[in-house]
Amino acid sequence: MKRVSYNKKGAWIIGLILLVSCSKANNREMTLIRDCTGTYLRFDGKDYHVCNITRTNGYPDSATVKVSFKMTRDCSETPGAICTMDHENEGWVTITDIK
């Protein structure tokens, strides 16, 4: 019988936890924030910069939306910033579903 080391079991468990926790980050109720630097989704006091802002058309500023998204390293779409003010955020997100 082959024995699995504790390190491999631990890595499996950590991977499973990360997978489950990442899926929970999606399909959340978030607040849509717009300012001169762009469009953001706010959750738990943290803002996430929206890359594909056209998905938010039809939703007013401060609207509560149910949204699924994925984190994105870079945004190839126009972010829509019209000023140089700094807006602290957790990085870029691409919206995959919004209601």
Protein backbone atom coordinates (compact mmCIF):
# COMPACT_ATOMS: atom_id res chain seq x y z
CA MET A 1 0.00 0.00 0.00
CA LYS A 2 1.38 3.40 -1.02
CA ARG A 3 1.56 6.03 1.73
CA VAL A 4 0.84 9.67 0.96
CA SER A 5 3.07 12.10 2.79
CA TYR A 6 1.58 14.76 5.03
CA ASN A 7 3.00 17.47 2.74
CA LYS A 8 1.00 16.19 -0.22
CA LYS A 9 -2.15 15.91 1.90
CA GLY A 10 -1.60 19.42 3.22
CA ALA A 11 -1.12 20.83 -0.29
CA TRP A 12 -4.33 19.11 -1.42
CA ILE A 13 -6.28 20.54 1.49
CA ILE A 14 -4.90 24.05 0.98
CA GLY A 15 -5.66 23.88 -2.76
CA LEU A 16 -9.22 22.76 -2.06
CA ILE A 17 -9.75 25.56 0.47
CA LEU A 18 -8.43 28.15 -2.01
CA LEU A 19 -10.67 26.81 -4.75
CA VAL A 20 -13.75 26.98 -2.54
CA SER A 21 -12.90 30.43 -1.17
CA CYS A 22 -12.31 31.83 -4.68
CA SER A 23 -15.69 30.64 -5.86
CA LYS A 24 -17.32 32.33 -2.88
CA ALA A 25 -15.83 35.68 -3.98
CA ASN A 26 -18.06 35.53 -7.06
CA ASN A 27 -21.80 36.07 -7.22
CA ARG A 28 -21.72 38.61 -4.39
CA GLU A 29 -23.79 41.67 -3.66
CA MET A 30 -21.52 44.64 -4.21
CA THR A 31 -21.91 48.40 -4.51
CA LEU A 32 -21.15 50.07 -7.82
CA ILE A 33 -18.95 53.15 -7.35
CA ARG A 34 -18.19 55.68 -10.09
CA ASP A 35 -15.87 58.64 -9.89
CA CYS A 36 -13.55 60.51 -12.24
CA THR A 37 -10.91 57.74 -11.97
CA GLY A 38 -13.20 54.97 -13.21
CA THR A 39 -15.78 52.42 -12.10
CA TYR A 40 -15.37 50.19 -9.04
CA LEU A 41 -17.13 47.40 -7.19
CA ARG A 42 -17.07 47.79 -3.42
CA PHE A 43 -17.29 44.83 -1.07
CA ASP A 44 -16.39 44.71 2.59
CA GLY A 45 -14.74 48.15 2.48
CA LYS A 46 -12.50 47.26 -0.48
CA ASP A 47 -12.83 48.61 -4.01
CA TYR A 48 -12.09 46.60 -7.16
CA HIS A 49 -11.42 48.52 -10.40
CA VAL A 50 -13.75 47.37 -13.20
CA CYS A 51 -12.05 46.76 -16.53
CA ASN A 52 -15.10 46.13 -18.73
CA ILE A 53 -17.13 49.16 -17.63
CA THR A 54 -19.67 48.74 -20.44
CA ARG A 55 -21.14 45.83 -18.43
CA THR A 56 -22.19 48.41 -15.80
CA ASN A 57 -24.17 50.59 -18.23
CA GLY A 58 -27.72 50.99 -17.00
CA TYR A 59 -26.76 50.82 -13.31
CA PRO A 60 -26.56 54.10 -11.37
CA ASP A 61 -23.75 55.09 -9.01
CA SER A 62 -24.14 53.49 -5.56
CA ALA A 63 -26.42 50.75 -6.92
CA THR A 64 -26.27 47.39 -5.16
CA VAL A 65 -25.67 44.71 -7.77
CA LYS A 66 -25.21 40.96 -7.68
CA VAL A 67 -22.02 40.36 -9.62
CA SER A 68 -19.63 37.60 -10.64
CA PHE A 69 -16.13 38.57 -11.67
CA LYS A 70 -12.60 37.37 -12.13
CA MET A 71 -9.42 39.13 -11.07
CA THR A 72 -7.39 40.49 -13.99
CA ARG A 73 -3.74 41.54 -14.00
CA ASP A 74 -4.03 44.10 -16.78
CA CYS A 75 -6.91 45.92 -18.40
CA SER A 76 -6.78 46.18 -22.17
CA GLU A 77 -10.11 48.03 -22.33
CA THR A 78 -10.38 51.75 -21.76
CA PRO A 79 -10.82 52.22 -18.00
CA GLY A 80 -12.66 55.54 -18.38
CA ALA A 81 -10.51 57.70 -16.09
CA ILE A 82 -10.84 61.42 -16.70
CA CYS A 83 -8.76 62.78 -13.83
CA THR A 84 -5.49 62.09 -12.06
CA MET A 85 -6.96 61.62 -8.58
CA ASP A 86 -5.81 58.40 -6.87
CA HIS A 87 -8.50 55.84 -5.95
CA GLU A 88 -7.07 53.09 -3.76
CA ASN A 89 -8.19 49.66 -4.95
CA GLU A 90 -7.43 45.95 -4.79
CA GLY A 91 -6.73 45.61 -8.54
CA TRP A 92 -8.56 45.02 -11.80
CA VAL A 93 -11.62 42.81 -12.18
CA THR A 94 -13.52 41.68 -15.25
CA ILE A 95 -17.26 41.31 -14.71
CA THR A 96 -18.60 38.01 -16.00
CA ASP A 97 -22.22 38.48 -14.83
CA ILE A 98 -24.14 41.36 -13.28
CA LYS A 99 -27.76 41.68 -12.12
